Amino acid sequence: MSHLLENKDPSGQHDAVVRTFRPGDEAAFRDLNESWILESFSMDDKDKQILGDPLTHVLKPGGEIFFIVRFESMLGCCALLPLGDRSWEVAKMAVAKAHRNRGLGRHLLNSVIEHAKTSGACKLCLKTSSILHSAIQLYKSMGFQIVAQESSSLCRNARADVFMELAL
């Protein structure tokens, strides 16, 4: 069941709303993520698995997918994947290239963090690439801190070499 997380962007800069996954959103989730991944990387098997069937690999295990939407246009997305022990992975976060640097990613991530808090999460984890400077700056500005891979509950992959956590 979809629900609206916020009415509007608190900055008032745009009429974007954050909502959860609805049946039929699979293609938008795949397209938004494939677009940013293929800008600098290639798709790995895990990407293909999750993006090919988010119902099985995100929602059925208890995760959630969020979209930032304006006038029914999908501008960005982000998934929360359960890790156990009240920890969640922030994954598959993407903002359409034409809509970047407008505060949409911050608005989306803030909604995801608030949802995690109200769901009883105590920690959020994520992995990213050191070449994604804007993403790392966004995460840091939202309180995420870089941690050693060895202390992270996440595994390295071909593009992930930065591990971050946020205590809630």
Protein backbone atom coordinates (compact mmCIF):
# COMPACT_ATOMS: atom_id res chain seq x y z
CA MET A 1 0.00 0.00 0.00
CA SER A 2 1.36 3.40 -0.97
CA HIS A 3 1.31 6.32 1.34
CA LEU A 4 2.39 9.90 1.12
CA LEU A 5 5.22 10.69 3.49
CA GLU A 6 5.19 14.46 3.14
CA ASN A 7 2.92 16.92 1.42
CA LYS A 8 5.61 19.13 -0.06
CA ASP A 9 9.26 19.97 -0.03
CA PRO A 10 9.79 22.00 3.15
CA SER A 11 11.95 24.52 1.27
CA GLY A 12 9.02 25.36 -0.97
CA GLN A 13 11.31 25.26 -4.01
CA HIS A 14 9.23 22.69 -5.83
CA ASP A 15 5.97 20.80 -5.64
CA ALA A 16 7.65 17.43 -5.17
CA VAL A 17 6.22 14.85 -2.79
CA VAL A 18 7.74 11.66 -1.43
CA ARG A 19 5.64 8.53 -1.58
CA THR A 20 6.18 4.81 -1.22
CA PHE A 21 6.16 2.18 -3.93
CA ARG A 22 2.94 1.44 -5.85
CA PRO A 23 2.29 -1.47 -8.20
CA GLY A 24 3.58 -0.42 -11.61
CA ASP A 25 6.55 1.56 -10.22
CA GLU A 26 9.00 -1.23 -11.09
CA ALA A 27 10.02 0.32 -14.44
CA ALA A 28 10.66 3.77 -12.91
CA PHE A 29 12.78 2.22 -10.15
CA ARG A 30 14.81 0.30 -12.74
CA ASP A 31 15.14 3.21 -15.19
CA LEU A 32 16.22 5.80 -12.59
CA ASN A 33 18.89 3.47 -11.22
CA GLU A 34 20.14 2.14 -14.55
CA SER A 35 20.57 5.71 -15.74
CA TRP A 36 22.90 6.83 -12.92
CA ILE A 37 24.77 3.53 -12.76
CA LEU A 38 25.55 3.49 -16.48
CA GLU A 39 26.82 7.10 -16.38
CA SER A 40 30.07 5.95 -14.72
CA PHE A 41 29.84 2.20 -14.07
CA SER A 42 28.38 -1.01 -15.39
CA MET A 43 25.52 -3.04 -14.01
CA ASP A 44 26.56 -5.97 -11.82
CA ASP A 45 24.57 -9.13 -11.14
CA LYS A 46 23.18 -7.77 -7.85
CA ASP A 47 21.95 -4.60 -9.63
CA LYS A 48 20.22 -6.69 -12.29
CA GLN A 49 18.63 -8.88 -9.64
CA ILE A 50 17.26 -6.04 -7.49
CA LEU A 51 16.23 -3.79 -10.38
CA GLY A 52 14.74 -6.70 -12.30
CA ASP A 53 12.46 -7.75 -9.46
CA PRO A 54 12.19 -5.20 -6.63
CA LEU A 55 9.09 -6.91 -5.25
CA THR A 56 11.07 -10.06 -4.44
CA HIS A 57 14.39 -8.46 -3.53
CA VAL A 58 13.29 -5.30 -1.68
CA LEU A 59 9.64 -5.38 -0.63
CA LYS A 60 9.04 -9.05 0.29
CA PRO A 61 12.01 -9.18 2.72
CA GLY A 62 10.48 -6.17 4.53
CA GLY A 63 12.15 -3.29 2.72
CA GLU A 64 10.59 -0.20 1.20
CA ILE A 65 11.04 1.87 -1.94
CA PHE A 66 10.45 5.61 -1.92
CA PHE A 67 9.91 7.95 -4.86
CA ILE A 68 10.09 11.70 -5.12
CA VAL A 69 7.38 12.71 -7.55
CA ARG A 70 6.17 15.94 -9.12
CA PHE A 71 2.93 15.92 -11.09
CA GLU A 72 3.19 12.10 -11.45
CA SER A 73 6.71 12.41 -12.92
CA MET A 74 9.24 10.20 -11.13
CA LEU A 75 12.20 12.42 -10.25
CA GLY A 76 14.10 10.08 -7.95
CA CYS A 77 14.00 6.98 -5.79
CA CYS A 78 15.63 5.30 -2.81
CA ALA A 79 15.28 1.87 -1.21
CA LEU A 80 15.59 0.79 2.42
CA LEU A 81 16.75 -2.81 2.82
CA PRO A 82 16.51 -4.59 6.19
CA LEU A 83 19.86 -5.73 7.58
CA GLY A 84 18.63 -7.08 10.91
CA ASP A 85 19.35 -5.84 14.43
CA ARG A 86 17.28 -2.68 13.74
CA SER A 87 19.70 -1.61 10.98
CA TRP A 88 18.75 -0.75 7.42
CA GLU A 89 20.70 -0.22 4.22
CA VAL A 90 20.00 2.92 2.17
CA ALA A 91 20.35 1.64 -1.38
CA LYS A 92 19.52 2.38 -4.99
CA MET A 93 19.22 6.12 -4.43
CA ALA A 94 18.91 8.01 -7.68
CA VAL A 95 17.76 11.42 -8.90
CA ALA A 96 17.12 11.91 -12.61
CA LYS A 97 20.02 13.78 -14.19
CA ALA A 98 17.84 16.70 -15.35
CA HIS A 99 16.64 17.26 -11.76
CA ARG A 100 19.89 17.05 -9.80
CA ASN A 101 21.32 19.86 -7.66
CA ARG A 102 17.87 21.19 -6.77
CA GLY A 103 17.51 19.73 -3.30
CA LEU A 104 15.42 16.74 -4.40
CA GLY A 105 17.95 14.18 -3.18
CA ARG A 106 18.09 15.88 0.22
CA HIS A 107 14.29 15.98 0.43
CA LEU A 108 14.07 12.29 -0.52
CA LEU A 109 16.82 11.18 1.86
CA ASN A 110 15.32 13.19 4.71
CA SER A 111 12.01 11.39 4.20
CA VAL A 112 13.77 8.02 4.13
CA ILE A 113 15.63 8.83 7.37
CA GLU A 114 12.42 9.95 9.08
CA HIS A 115 10.63 6.79 7.97
CA ALA A 116 13.49 4.66 9.35
CA LYS A 117 13.33 6.50 12.70
CA THR A 118 9.58 6.03 13.05
CA SER A 119 9.99 2.36 12.11
CA GLY A 120 12.33 1.83 15.06
CA ALA A 121 15.64 1.69 13.20
CA CYS A 122 18.73 2.49 15.24
CA LYS A 123 21.22 2.69 12.35
CA LEU A 124 21.32 3.34 8.61
CA CYS A 125 24.18 2.03 6.49
CA LEU A 126 25.13 2.68 2.89
CA LYS A 127 27.91 2.09 0.42
CA THR A 128 28.91 4.35 -2.42
CA SER A 129 31.82 5.18 -4.70
CA SER A 130 34.56 7.68 -3.99
CA ILE A 131 34.01 9.20 -7.45
CA LEU A 132 30.46 10.23 -6.48
CA HIS A 133 31.55 13.39 -4.67
CA SER A 134 28.09 15.03 -4.62
CA ALA A 135 26.49 11.94 -3.13
CA ILE A 136 29.13 11.67 -0.42
CA GLN A 137 28.70 15.36 0.44
CA LEU A 138 24.93 14.91 0.66
CA TYR A 139 25.29 11.92 2.96
CA LYS A 140 27.79 13.73 5.18
CA SER A 141 25.52 16.78 5.37
CA MET A 142 22.70 14.51 6.56
CA GLY A 143 24.87 13.12 9.37
CA PHE A 144 26.31 9.97 7.81
CA GLN A 145 29.91 9.24 8.77
CA ILE A 146 32.49 7.25 6.85
CA VAL A 147 33.37 3.95 8.51
CA ALA A 148 35.96 1.30 7.70
CA GLN A 149 34.67 -1.46 5.47
CA GLU A 150 35.67 -3.99 8.08
CA SER A 151 33.30 -2.44 10.61
CA SER A 152 30.45 -2.11 8.12
CA SER A 153 27.73 -4.72 7.81
CA LEU A 154 27.82 -4.20 4.03
CA CYS A 155 30.02 -5.93 1.48
CA ARG A 156 32.24 -4.25 -1.07
CA ASN A 157 31.32 -4.55 -4.72
CA ALA A 158 32.89 -3.38 -7.98
CA ARG A 159 31.95 0.29 -7.46
CA ALA A 160 31.52 0.62 -3.69
CA ASP A 161 34.64 1.73 -1.85
CA VAL A 162 33.10 4.14 0.67
CA PHE A 163 31.01 2.88 3.59
CA MET A 164 28.91 5.21 5.71
CA GLU A 165 26.61 4.94 8.72
CA LEU A 166 24.11 7.14 10.51
CA ALA A 167 23.14 6.42 14.12
CA LEU A 168 19.47 7.25 14.70
